[in-house]
Amino acid sequence: MDDLPDDFAIALGRLLYLGGLVEMRLDRCLVPAGEEPPRRGLSGARLVDELRKVEAPSALFVEIRDGYKEMHEFRNHLVHGAHNYANGSLWTWREPTGAKGTAAFSFRFDLTHLQEVAQSWRNLANAIQIELDQRERLTAPEPEPR
């Protein structure tokens, strides 16, 4: 096995960091603006189920929720898989949930793909912050007249 080059390690680190940031911000979306988030540590399907319960979601929020749902499992392959770097690619193996026997999925990632995925998570984190900022503006008290 070749050593993992720094640029691959950086891309993987960004995926880990940004995935956590996205889930922390989504946690804040589970309560009305200004209230304390539940901090339940949900992720994946359980988090999506809770996000579906948000009343009167904005169009942006629906896109965020659906984007997270679509992207989460792929990130899990990288976070929870077994890795091997060889011939300029990162190979990842992961057993399916509830697998019996020796079944496993395998994936091959090149650096450009990992960097693009990390950028997608950054874009999602930024979109969630926009949604949170819009919620704050909508619920902010009116300024006192002078």
N, C-alpha and C. Protein backbone atom coordinates (compact mmCIF):
# COMPACT_ATOMS: atom_id res chain seq x y z
N MET A 1 0.85 -1.18 0.00
CA MET A 1 0.00 0.00 0.00
C MET A 1 0.89 1.24 0.00
N ASP A 2 0.55 2.18 -0.87
CA ASP A 2 1.26 3.45 -0.90
C ASP A 2 0.76 4.33 0.23
N ASP A 3 1.62 5.26 0.68
CA ASP A 3 1.18 6.24 1.66
C ASP A 3 0.15 7.16 1.02
N LEU A 4 -0.82 7.59 1.81
CA LEU A 4 -1.84 8.50 1.31
C LEU A 4 -1.23 9.88 1.13
N PRO A 5 -1.24 10.43 -0.09
CA PRO A 5 -0.68 11.77 -0.31
C PRO A 5 -1.45 12.83 0.48
N ASP A 6 -0.75 13.90 0.81
CA ASP A 6 -1.35 14.97 1.60
C ASP A 6 -2.60 15.55 0.96
N ASP A 7 -2.61 15.71 -0.37
CA ASP A 7 -3.79 16.31 -1.00
C ASP A 7 -5.03 15.43 -0.85
N PHE A 8 -4.86 14.10 -0.85
CA PHE A 8 -5.99 13.21 -0.58
C PHE A 8 -6.41 13.33 0.88
N ALA A 9 -5.45 13.37 1.79
CA ALA A 9 -5.76 13.49 3.22
C ALA A 9 -6.50 14.80 3.50
N ILE A 10 -6.09 15.87 2.85
CA ILE A 10 -6.76 17.17 3.04
C ILE A 10 -8.19 17.10 2.54
N ALA A 11 -8.41 16.50 1.37
CA ALA A 11 -9.77 16.38 0.83
C ALA A 11 -10.65 15.55 1.76
N LEU A 12 -10.12 14.45 2.28
CA LEU A 12 -10.89 13.63 3.22
C LEU A 12 -11.18 14.39 4.51
N GLY A 13 -10.19 15.12 5.00
CA GLY A 13 -10.39 15.93 6.20
C GLY A 13 -11.48 16.97 6.01
N ARG A 14 -11.50 17.58 4.85
CA ARG A 14 -12.56 18.57 4.56
C ARG A 14 -13.93 17.91 4.57
N LEU A 15 -14.02 16.72 3.98
CA LEU A 15 -15.29 16.01 3.98
C LEU A 15 -15.77 15.72 5.40
N LEU A 16 -14.86 15.29 6.26
CA LEU A 16 -15.21 15.02 7.65
C LEU A 16 -15.68 16.29 8.35
N TYR A 17 -14.89 17.34 8.22
CA TYR A 17 -15.20 18.61 8.88
C TYR A 17 -16.53 19.18 8.38
N LEU A 18 -16.67 19.26 7.05
CA LEU A 18 -17.86 19.88 6.49
C LEU A 18 -19.12 19.06 6.76
N GLY A 19 -19.00 17.74 6.78
CA GLY A 19 -20.15 16.92 7.12
C GLY A 19 -20.64 17.20 8.53
N GLY A 20 -19.71 17.34 9.47
CA GLY A 20 -20.07 17.69 10.84
C GLY A 20 -20.70 19.07 10.93
N LEU A 21 -20.14 20.02 10.18
CA LEU A 21 -20.68 21.38 10.17
C LEU A 21 -22.10 21.38 9.62
N VAL A 22 -22.33 20.66 8.53
CA VAL A 22 -23.66 20.57 7.94
C VAL A 22 -24.65 20.00 8.96
N GLU A 23 -24.29 18.92 9.62
CA GLU A 23 -25.22 18.31 10.57
C GLU A 23 -25.47 19.20 11.78
N MET A 24 -24.46 19.93 12.23
CA MET A 24 -24.65 20.87 13.33
C MET A 24 -25.63 21.98 12.92
N ARG A 25 -25.45 22.50 11.71
CA ARG A 25 -26.35 23.57 11.25
C ARG A 25 -27.76 23.04 11.00
N LEU A 26 -27.87 21.82 10.48
CA LEU A 26 -29.20 21.24 10.28
C LEU A 26 -29.91 21.04 11.61
N ASP A 27 -29.17 20.70 12.64
CA ASP A 27 -29.73 20.57 13.98
C ASP A 27 -30.39 21.88 14.40
N ARG A 28 -29.76 23.00 14.04
CA ARG A 28 -30.32 24.31 14.38
C ARG A 28 -31.61 24.58 13.61
N CYS A 29 -31.79 23.90 12.47
CA CYS A 29 -33.01 24.09 11.67
C CYS A 29 -34.22 23.38 12.27
N LEU A 30 -34.00 22.56 13.26
CA LEU A 30 -35.10 21.78 13.84
C LEU A 30 -35.94 22.56 14.84
N VAL A 31 -35.53 23.78 15.15
CA VAL A 31 -36.29 24.60 16.10
C VAL A 31 -36.51 25.98 15.49
N PRO A 32 -37.51 26.70 15.97
CA PRO A 32 -37.70 28.07 15.49
C PRO A 32 -36.47 28.93 15.78
N ALA A 33 -36.28 29.94 14.96
CA ALA A 33 -35.14 30.85 15.12
C ALA A 33 -35.11 31.41 16.53
N GLY A 34 -33.91 31.48 17.09
CA GLY A 34 -33.72 32.04 18.42
C GLY A 34 -33.83 31.03 19.55
N GLU A 35 -34.38 29.85 19.28
CA GLU A 35 -34.47 28.82 20.32
C GLU A 35 -33.23 27.94 20.28
N GLU A 36 -33.00 27.24 21.37
CA GLU A 36 -31.84 26.34 21.46
C GLU A 36 -32.07 25.10 20.60
N PRO A 37 -31.06 24.70 19.80
CA PRO A 37 -31.21 23.47 19.02
C PRO A 37 -31.25 22.26 19.94
N PRO A 38 -31.88 21.17 19.49
CA PRO A 38 -32.04 20.00 20.35
C PRO A 38 -30.74 19.26 20.64
N ARG A 39 -29.74 19.41 19.79
CA ARG A 39 -28.44 18.74 19.96
C ARG A 39 -28.61 17.24 20.21
N ARG A 40 -29.34 16.62 19.32
CA ARG A 40 -29.58 15.19 19.46
C ARG A 40 -28.54 14.36 18.73
N GLY A 41 -27.70 14.99 17.95
CA GLY A 41 -26.65 14.25 17.24
C GLY A 41 -27.18 13.35 16.15
N LEU A 42 -28.31 13.71 15.57
CA LEU A 42 -28.89 12.88 14.52
C LEU A 42 -28.10 13.05 13.23
N SER A 43 -28.13 12.01 12.42
CA SER A 43 -27.55 12.09 11.08
C SER A 43 -28.29 11.13 10.17
N GLY A 44 -28.04 11.25 8.89
CA GLY A 44 -28.62 10.33 7.92
C GLY A 44 -30.13 10.34 7.90
N ALA A 45 -30.72 9.16 7.77
CA ALA A 45 -32.17 9.03 7.61
C ALA A 45 -32.92 9.57 8.82
N ARG A 46 -32.37 9.39 10.03
CA ARG A 46 -33.06 9.91 11.23
C ARG A 46 -33.12 11.43 11.21
N LEU A 47 -32.04 12.08 10.77
CA LEU A 47 -32.04 13.53 10.68
C LEU A 47 -33.00 13.99 9.59
N VAL A 48 -32.99 13.32 8.44
CA VAL A 48 -33.91 13.68 7.35
C VAL A 48 -35.35 13.55 7.83
N ASP A 49 -35.67 12.48 8.57
CA ASP A 49 -37.03 12.31 9.09
C ASP A 49 -37.43 13.49 9.96
N GLU A 50 -36.53 13.95 10.82
CA GLU A 50 -36.83 15.11 11.68
C GLU A 50 -36.96 16.39 10.85
N LEU A 51 -36.12 16.53 9.83
CA LEU A 51 -36.18 17.73 8.98
C LEU A 51 -37.49 17.78 8.20
N ARG A 52 -38.06 16.63 7.89
CA ARG A 52 -39.35 16.59 7.18
C ARG A 52 -40.49 17.12 8.07
N LYS A 53 -40.29 17.14 9.37
CA LYS A 53 -41.32 17.61 10.31
C LYS A 53 -41.32 19.13 10.46
N VAL A 54 -40.33 19.81 9.89
CA VAL A 54 -40.28 21.27 10.00
C VAL A 54 -41.50 21.85 9.31
N GLU A 55 -42.23 22.69 10.03
CA GLU A 55 -43.45 23.28 9.50
C GLU A 55 -43.15 24.40 8.52
N ALA A 56 -43.92 24.47 7.45
CA ALA A 56 -43.82 25.52 6.43
C ALA A 56 -42.38 25.74 5.97
N PRO A 57 -41.72 24.70 5.46
CA PRO A 57 -40.33 24.88 5.03
C PRO A 57 -40.24 25.77 3.80
N SER A 58 -39.19 26.56 3.72
CA SER A 58 -38.95 27.38 2.53
C SER A 58 -38.49 26.47 1.39
N ALA A 59 -38.53 27.00 0.18
CA ALA A 59 -38.04 26.24 -0.98
C ALA A 59 -36.56 25.91 -0.81
N LEU A 60 -35.79 26.86 -0.27
CA LEU A 60 -34.37 26.61 -0.03
C LEU A 60 -34.19 25.48 0.98
N PHE A 61 -34.98 25.49 2.03
CA PHE A 61 -34.86 24.44 3.05
C PHE A 61 -35.13 23.06 2.45
N VAL A 62 -36.14 22.95 1.61
CA VAL A 62 -36.46 21.66 0.98
C VAL A 62 -35.29 21.20 0.11
N GLU A 63 -34.68 22.12 -0.64
CA GLU A 63 -33.51 21.76 -1.45
C GLU A 63 -32.35 21.31 -0.56
N ILE A 64 -32.14 21.99 0.54
CA ILE A 64 -31.08 21.63 1.49
C ILE A 64 -31.33 20.23 2.04
N ARG A 65 -32.53 19.99 2.52
CA ARG A 65 -32.87 18.69 3.11
C ARG A 65 -32.68 17.56 2.09
N ASP A 66 -33.17 17.78 0.87
CA ASP A 66 -33.04 16.75 -0.16
C ASP A 66 -31.59 16.57 -0.59
N GLY A 67 -30.83 17.66 -0.64
CA GLY A 67 -29.42 17.57 -0.98
C GLY A 67 -28.65 16.79 0.06
N TYR A 68 -28.94 17.06 1.33
CA TYR A 68 -28.28 16.32 2.41
C TYR A 68 -28.60 14.83 2.30
N LYS A 69 -29.86 14.52 2.08
CA LYS A 69 -30.27 13.12 1.98
C LYS A 69 -29.50 12.43 0.86
N GLU A 70 -29.38 13.10 -0.26
CA GLU A 70 -28.69 12.52 -1.42
C GLU A 70 -27.19 12.34 -1.17
N MET A 71 -26.57 13.25 -0.45
CA MET A 71 -25.12 13.26 -0.27
C MET A 71 -24.63 12.43 0.92
N HIS A 72 -25.49 12.19 1.89
CA HIS A 72 -25.05 11.60 3.16
C HIS A 72 -24.46 10.21 3.00
N GLU A 73 -25.12 9.34 2.28
CA GLU A 73 -24.65 7.95 2.20
C GLU A 73 -23.28 7.87 1.54
N PHE A 74 -23.06 8.69 0.52
CA PHE A 74 -21.76 8.71 -0.15
C PHE A 74 -20.67 9.10 0.85
N ARG A 75 -20.94 10.11 1.65
CA ARG A 75 -19.97 10.53 2.67
C ARG A 75 -19.72 9.41 3.67
N ASN A 76 -20.77 8.67 4.02
CA ASN A 76 -20.60 7.56 4.95
C ASN A 76 -19.65 6.50 4.40
N HIS A 77 -19.69 6.28 3.09
CA HIS A 77 -18.75 5.32 2.49
C HIS A 77 -17.31 5.75 2.78
N LEU A 78 -17.06 7.05 2.68
CA LEU A 78 -15.71 7.55 2.92
C LEU A 78 -15.36 7.57 4.41
N VAL A 79 -16.31 7.95 5.24
CA VAL A 79 -16.04 8.08 6.67
C VAL A 79 -15.92 6.72 7.35
N HIS A 80 -16.75 5.78 6.97
CA HIS A 80 -16.82 4.50 7.68
C HIS A 80 -16.21 3.33 6.91
N GLY A 81 -15.65 3.59 5.75
CA GLY A 81 -15.09 2.52 4.95
C GLY A 81 -13.65 2.19 5.32
N ALA A 82 -13.18 1.09 4.78
CA ALA A 82 -11.77 0.71 4.90
C ALA A 82 -11.09 1.21 3.63
N HIS A 83 -9.92 1.82 3.76
CA HIS A 83 -9.29 2.50 2.64
C HIS A 83 -7.95 1.89 2.27
N ASN A 84 -7.63 2.04 0.99
CA ASN A 84 -6.32 1.68 0.48
C ASN A 84 -5.99 2.66 -0.64
N TYR A 85 -4.83 3.26 -0.59
CA TYR A 85 -4.39 4.16 -1.65
C TYR A 85 -3.43 3.39 -2.54
N ALA A 86 -3.74 3.34 -3.83
CA ALA A 86 -2.87 2.65 -4.78
C ALA A 86 -3.07 3.22 -6.17
N ASN A 87 -1.99 3.34 -6.90
CA ASN A 87 -2.03 3.77 -8.31
C ASN A 87 -2.76 5.09 -8.51
N GLY A 88 -2.60 6.02 -7.59
CA GLY A 88 -3.18 7.35 -7.74
C GLY A 88 -4.64 7.46 -7.39
N SER A 89 -5.21 6.43 -6.79
CA SER A 89 -6.63 6.46 -6.42
C SER A 89 -6.80 5.96 -4.99
N LEU A 90 -7.88 6.42 -4.38
CA LEU A 90 -8.26 5.93 -3.07
C LEU A 90 -9.34 4.88 -3.28
N TRP A 91 -9.09 3.68 -2.80
CA TRP A 91 -10.06 2.59 -2.87
C TRP A 91 -10.70 2.44 -1.49
N THR A 92 -12.01 2.31 -1.48
CA THR A 92 -12.75 2.21 -0.23
C THR A 92 -13.69 1.01 -0.29
N TRP A 93 -13.71 0.24 0.80
CA TRP A 93 -14.63 -0.89 0.92
C TRP A 93 -15.51 -0.65 2.12
N ARG A 94 -16.76 -1.02 1.97
CA ARG A 94 -17.69 -0.84 3.09
C ARG A 94 -18.74 -1.93 3.04
N GLU A 95 -18.99 -2.54 4.19
CA GLU A 95 -20.05 -3.53 4.28
C GLU A 95 -21.40 -2.83 4.30
N PRO A 96 -22.36 -3.36 3.57
CA PRO A 96 -23.71 -2.78 3.64
C PRO A 96 -24.27 -2.94 5.04
N THR A 97 -25.13 -2.03 5.45
CA THR A 97 -25.77 -2.12 6.75
C THR A 97 -26.54 -3.44 6.84
N GLY A 98 -26.32 -4.17 7.90
CA GLY A 98 -27.01 -5.44 8.10
C GLY A 98 -26.47 -6.57 7.23
N ALA A 99 -25.27 -6.40 6.67
CA ALA A 99 -24.71 -7.42 5.78
C ALA A 99 -24.35 -8.68 6.55
N LYS A 100 -24.49 -9.80 5.86
CA LYS A 100 -24.08 -11.08 6.43
C LYS A 100 -23.06 -11.67 5.47
N GLY A 101 -22.07 -12.31 6.01
CA GLY A 101 -21.06 -12.92 5.15
C GLY A 101 -20.00 -11.92 4.76
N THR A 102 -19.48 -12.07 3.56
CA THR A 102 -18.35 -11.25 3.13
C THR A 102 -18.73 -10.17 2.13
N ALA A 103 -20.01 -9.87 1.98
CA ALA A 103 -20.45 -8.86 1.02
C ALA A 103 -19.91 -7.49 1.40
N ALA A 104 -19.45 -6.74 0.41
CA ALA A 104 -18.98 -5.37 0.64
C ALA A 104 -19.10 -4.59 -0.66
N PHE A 105 -19.32 -3.29 -0.53
CA PHE A 105 -19.28 -2.40 -1.68
C PHE A 105 -17.86 -1.89 -1.82
N SER A 106 -17.42 -1.66 -3.03
CA SER A 106 -16.11 -1.04 -3.22
C SER A 106 -16.27 0.18 -4.11
N PHE A 107 -15.45 1.19 -3.84
CA PHE A 107 -15.51 2.46 -4.56
C PHE A 107 -14.09 2.90 -4.87
N ARG A 108 -13.92 3.56 -5.99
CA ARG A 108 -12.62 4.12 -6.37
C ARG A 108 -12.79 5.63 -6.52
N PHE A 109 -11.94 6.39 -5.85
CA PHE A 109 -12.04 7.85 -5.88
C PHE A 109 -10.73 8.43 -6.36
N ASP A 110 -10.82 9.35 -7.31
CA ASP A 110 -9.62 10.10 -7.66
C ASP A 110 -9.66 11.43 -6.91
N LEU A 111 -8.56 12.13 -6.91
CA LEU A 111 -8.45 13.36 -6.12
C LEU A 111 -9.47 14.41 -6.55
N THR A 112 -9.63 14.60 -7.85
CA THR A 112 -10.57 15.62 -8.33
C THR A 112 -11.98 15.34 -7.82
N HIS A 113 -12.39 14.08 -7.85
CA HIS A 113 -13.73 13.73 -7.38
C HIS A 113 -13.89 14.04 -5.89
N LEU A 114 -12.89 13.67 -5.09
CA LEU A 114 -12.96 13.97 -3.65
C LEU A 114 -13.04 15.47 -3.40
N GLN A 115 -12.28 16.25 -4.15
CA GLN A 115 -12.30 17.71 -3.98
C GLN A 115 -13.66 18.27 -4.39
N GLU A 116 -14.25 17.73 -5.44
CA GLU A 116 -15.58 18.20 -5.87
C GLU A 116 -16.64 17.86 -4.83
N VAL A 117 -16.54 16.67 -4.25
CA VAL A 117 -17.49 16.28 -3.20
C VAL A 117 -17.34 17.19 -1.98
N ALA A 118 -16.10 17.48 -1.60
CA ALA A 118 -15.87 18.39 -0.48
C ALA A 118 -16.48 19.76 -0.77
N GLN A 119 -16.35 20.24 -2.00
CA GLN A 119 -16.93 21.53 -2.38
C GLN A 119 -18.45 21.48 -2.29
N SER A 120 -19.05 20.36 -2.67
CA SER A 120 -20.50 20.21 -2.56
C SER A 120 -20.95 20.32 -1.10
N TRP A 121 -20.19 19.73 -0.19
CA TRP A 121 -20.52 19.85 1.24
C TRP A 121 -20.34 21.28 1.73
N ARG A 122 -19.33 21.97 1.22
CA ARG A 122 -19.15 23.38 1.57
C ARG A 122 -20.34 24.20 1.08
N ASN A 123 -20.78 23.94 -0.15
CA ASN A 123 -21.93 24.65 -0.70
C ASN A 123 -23.18 24.39 0.14
N LEU A 124 -23.36 23.15 0.58
CA LEU A 124 -24.52 22.82 1.40
C LEU A 124 -24.44 23.54 2.75
N ALA A 125 -23.27 23.56 3.37
CA ALA A 125 -23.10 24.27 4.64
C ALA A 125 -23.42 25.76 4.47
N ASN A 126 -22.97 26.35 3.37
CA ASN A 126 -23.24 27.76 3.11
C ASN A 126 -24.73 28.01 2.90
N ALA A 127 -25.41 27.11 2.18
CA ALA A 127 -26.84 27.26 1.94
C ALA A 127 -27.62 27.18 3.26
N ILE A 128 -27.20 26.28 4.13
CA ILE A 128 -27.88 26.17 5.43
C ILE A 128 -27.70 27.46 6.23
N GLN A 129 -26.51 28.04 6.18
CA GLN A 129 -26.30 29.30 6.91
C GLN A 129 -27.18 30.41 6.34
N ILE A 130 -27.35 30.44 5.03
CA ILE A 130 -28.26 31.43 4.42
C ILE A 130 -29.67 31.21 4.93
N GLU A 131 -30.12 29.97 4.97
CA GLU A 131 -31.45 29.64 5.49
C GLU A 131 -31.60 30.09 6.94
N LEU A 132 -30.60 29.80 7.76
CA LEU A 132 -30.66 30.20 9.17
C LEU A 132 -30.68 31.72 9.31
N ASP A 133 -29.89 32.41 8.51
CA ASP A 133 -29.88 33.88 8.56
C ASP A 133 -31.23 34.45 8.15
N GLN A 134 -31.86 33.85 7.13
CA GLN A 134 -33.18 34.32 6.70
C GLN A 134 -34.21 34.11 7.80
N ARG A 135 -34.14 33.00 8.49
CA ARG A 135 -35.06 32.74 9.60
C ARG A 135 -34.89 33.77 10.70
N GLU A 136 -33.64 34.10 11.01
CA GLU A 136 -33.37 35.10 12.05
C GLU A 136 -33.97 36.45 11.66
N ARG A 137 -33.80 36.84 10.41
CA ARG A 137 -34.34 38.12 9.95
C ARG A 137 -35.86 38.15 10.03
N LEU A 138 -36.49 37.02 9.71
CA LEU A 138 -37.95 36.96 9.73
C LEU A 138 -38.51 37.02 11.14
N THR A 139 -37.75 36.56 12.11
CA THR A 139 -38.26 36.52 13.49
C THR A 139 -37.66 37.60 14.38
N ALA A 140 -36.78 38.41 13.82
CA ALA A 140 -36.15 39.47 14.63
C ALA A 140 -37.22 40.48 15.05
N PRO A 141 -37.17 40.94 16.30
CA PRO A 141 -38.14 41.94 16.75
C PRO A 141 -37.93 43.26 16.00
N GLU A 142 -39.02 43.97 15.85
CA GLU A 142 -38.96 45.29 15.21
C GLU A 142 -38.16 46.23 16.11
N PRO A 143 -37.33 47.09 15.52
CA PRO A 143 -36.59 48.04 16.35
C PRO A 143 -37.54 49.04 17.01
N GLU A 144 -37.18 49.46 18.20
CA GLU A 144 -37.97 50.45 18.95
C GLU A 144 -37.92 51.79 18.22
N PRO A 145 -39.06 52.47 18.07
CA PRO A 145 -39.02 53.80 17.45
C PRO A 145 -38.32 54.79 18.38
N ARG A 146 -37.64 55.73 17.80
CA ARG A 146 -36.91 56.73 18.60
C ARG A 146 -37.75 57.91 18.91
